[in-house]
C-alpha atoms as a PDB file:
ATOM      1  CA  MET A   1       0.000   0.000   0.000  1.00  0.00           C
ATOM      2  CA  ARG A   2       2.811   2.417   0.831  1.00  0.00           C
ATOM      3  CA  ARG A   3       4.516   1.757  -2.465  1.00  0.00           C
ATOM      4  CA  ILE A   4       1.353   2.582  -4.366  1.00  0.00           C
ATOM      5  CA  LEU A   5       0.945   5.794  -2.369  1.00  0.00           C
ATOM      6  CA  TRP A   6       4.542   6.886  -3.000  1.00  0.00           C
ATOM      7  CA  PHE A   7       4.306   5.887  -6.641  1.00  0.00           C
ATOM      8  CA  GLY A   8       1.116   7.947  -7.032  1.00  0.00           C
ATOM      9  CA  MET A   9       2.720  10.930  -5.311  1.00  0.00           C
ATOM     10  CA  GLY A  10       5.762  10.634  -7.562  1.00  0.00           C
ATOM     11  CA  VAL A  11       3.635  10.509 -10.705  1.00  0.00           C
ATOM     12  CA  GLY A  12       1.512  13.443  -9.510  1.00  0.00           C
ATOM     13  CA  SER A  13       4.506  15.606  -8.653  1.00  0.00           C
ATOM     14  CA  SER A  14       6.167  14.730 -11.964  1.00  0.00           C
ATOM     15  CA  VAL A  15       3.046  15.741 -13.902  1.00  0.00           C
ATOM     16  CA  TRP A  16       2.804  18.981 -11.904  1.00  0.00           C
ATOM     17  CA  ALA A  17       6.508  19.782 -12.443  1.00  0.00           C
ATOM     18  CA  GLN A  18       6.246  19.077 -16.172  1.00  0.00           C
ATOM     19  CA  ARG A  19       3.201  21.339 -16.597  1.00  0.00           C
ATOM     20  CA  SER A  20       4.809  24.070 -14.527  1.00  0.00           C
ATOM     21  CA  ALA A  21       8.002  23.912 -16.583  1.00  0.00           C
ATOM     22  CA  LYS A  22       6.040  24.085 -19.862  1.00  0.00           C
ATOM     23  CA  LYS A  23       4.148  27.176 -18.665  1.00  0.00           C
ATOM     24  CA  ARG A  24       7.372  28.899 -17.681  1.00  0.00           C
ATOM     25  CA  LEU A  25       9.096  27.991 -20.936  1.00  0.00           C
ATOM     26  CA  LYS A  26       6.108  29.259 -22.916  1.00  0.00           C
ATOM     27  CA  LYS A  27       6.551  32.675 -21.253  1.00  0.00           C
ATOM     28  CA  TYR A  28       9.979  32.987 -22.837  1.00  0.00           C
ATOM     29  CA  THR A  29       9.247  31.918 -26.401  1.00  0.00           C
ATOM     30  CA  PRO A  30       9.907  34.650 -28.986  1.00  0.00           C
ATOM     31  CA  PRO A  31       6.210  35.506 -29.640  1.00  0.00           C
ATOM     32  CA  ALA A  32       5.484  35.860 -25.922  1.00  0.00           C
ATOM     33  CA  VAL A  33       8.554  38.014 -25.343  1.00  0.00           C
ATOM     34  CA  ILE A  34       7.689  40.214 -28.324  1.00  0.00           C
ATOM     35  CA  ASP A  35       4.118  40.616 -27.082  1.00  0.00           C
ATOM     36  CA  ARG A  36       5.258  41.640 -23.596  1.00  0.00           C
ATOM     37  CA  ALA A  37       7.803  44.080 -25.013  1.00  0.00           C
ATOM     38  CA  ALA A  38       5.168  45.632 -27.291  1.00  0.00           C
ATOM     39  CA  LYS A  39       2.756  46.111 -24.392  1.00  0.00           C
ATOM     40  CA  ARG A  40       5.418  47.731 -22.229  1.00  0.00           C
ATOM     41  CA  THR A  41       6.559  49.979 -25.060  1.00  0.00           C
ATOM     42  CA  ALA A  42       2.991  51.093 -25.695  1.00  0.00           C
ATOM     43  CA  GLY A  43       2.647  51.939 -22.008  1.00  0.00           C
ATOM     44  CA  VAL A  44       5.838  54.000 -22.058  1.00  0.00           C
ATOM     45  CA  VAL A  45       4.751  55.798 -25.223  1.00  0.00           C
ATOM     46  CA  ARG A  46       1.413  56.698 -23.625  1.00  0.00           C
ATOM     47  CA  THR A  47       3.175  57.979 -20.519  1.00  0.00           C
ATOM     48  CA  VAL A  48       5.557  60.144 -22.548  1.00  0.00           C
ATOM     49  CA  GLN A  49       2.713  61.497 -24.680  1.00  0.00           C
ATOM     50  CA  ASP A  50       0.744  62.410 -21.555  1.00  0.00           C
ATOM     51  CA  ALA A  51       3.781  64.119 -20.030  1.00  0.00           C
ATOM     52  CA  VAL A  52       4.472  66.133 -23.189  1.00  0.00           C
ATOM     53  CA  SER A  53       0.834  67.153 -23.469  1.00  0.00           C
ATOM     54  CA  GLU A  54       0.710  68.236 -19.835  1.00  0.00           C
ATOM     55  CA  GLY A  55       3.991  70.132 -20.221  1.00  0.00           C
ATOM     56  CA  ARG A  56       2.678  72.009 -23.239  1.00  0.00           C
ATOM     57  CA  THR A  57      -0.518  72.904 -21.396  1.00  0.00           C
ATOM     58  CA  VAL A  58       1.397  74.201 -18.381  1.00  0.00           C
ATOM     59  CA  ALA A  59       3.793  76.173 -20.599  1.00  0.00           C
ATOM     60  CA  LYS A  60       0.902  77.762 -22.504  1.00  0.00           C
ATOM     61  CA  ASP A  61      -0.860  78.670 -19.257  1.00  0.00           C
ATOM     62  CA  TYR A  62       2.363  80.192 -17.921  1.00  0.00           C
ATOM     63  CA  GLN A  63       2.892  82.147 -21.139  1.00  0.00           C
ATOM     64  CA  ASP A  64      -0.700  83.419 -21.089  1.00  0.00           C
ATOM     65  CA  ASP A  65      -0.306  84.514 -17.458  1.00  0.00           C
ATOM     66  CA  ALA A  66       2.970  86.278 -18.247  1.00  0.00           C
ATOM     67  CA  LYS A  67       1.439  88.087 -21.229  1.00  0.00           C
ATOM     68  CA  SER A  68      -1.555  89.232 -19.223  1.00  0.00           C
ATOM     69  CA  GLU A  69       0.723  90.423 -16.412  1.00  0.00           C
ATOM     70  CA  ILE A  70       2.846  92.450 -18.860  1.00  0.00           C
ATOM     71  CA  GLN A  71      -0.290  93.950 -20.399  1.00  0.00           C
ATOM     72  CA  ALA A  72      -1.566  94.909 -16.947  1.00  0.00           C
ATOM     73  CA  GLN A  73       1.775  96.520 -16.113  1.00  0.00           C
ATOM     74  CA  ARG A  74       1.704  98.441 -19.394  1.00  0.00           C
ATOM     75  CA  ARG A  75      -1.763  99.757 -18.576  1.00  0.00           C
ATOM     76  CA  ARG A  76      -0.531 100.923 -15.177  1.00  0.00           C
ATOM     77  CA  GLY A  77       2.649 102.383 -16.674  1.00  0.00           C
ATOM     78  CA  ALA A  78       4.811 100.146 -14.501  1.00  0.00           C
ATOM     79  CA  TYR A  79       6.309  98.155 -17.373  1.00  0.00           C
ATOM     80  CA  ARG A  80       9.713  99.310 -18.536  1.00  0.00           C
ATOM     81  CA  PRO A  81      11.411  97.459 -21.379  1.00  0.00           C
ATOM     82  CA  ALA A  82      14.913  96.108 -20.859  1.00  0.00           C
ATOM     83  CA  SER A  83      17.791  98.411 -21.808  1.00  0.00           C
ATOM     84  CA  SER A  84      18.419  96.463 -25.021  1.00  0.00           C
ATOM     85  CA  GLU A  85      14.881  97.268 -26.138  1.00  0.00           C
ATOM     86  CA  ARG A  86      15.361 101.042 -25.593  1.00  0.00           C
ATOM     87  CA  ARG A  87      18.457 101.527 -27.746  1.00  0.00           C
ATOM     88  CA  PRO A  88      17.979 104.199 -30.339  1.00  0.00           C
ATOM     89  CA  GLY A  89      18.313 103.167 -33.924  1.00  0.00           C
ATOM     90  CA  MET A  90      17.310  99.548 -33.443  1.00  0.00           C
END
């Protein structure tokens, strides 16, 4: 009876080990590796696109704020151009 039990456990563990090894090997076949790399690359591309878009939005907002501030200073007479802008003959 013990021999049958141990034999059954040996067969069961061998089947489990073989299936587990096949699953792990399948993860590293060229199509699977290419698929994973493509998914990760797409994620990085999306992240970079979002960052660039957000950066452009922030830069435009900053530029709009700076322009409106300069216009307000001009209306108040507080805006004085830099010395390079006041040179005669330029």
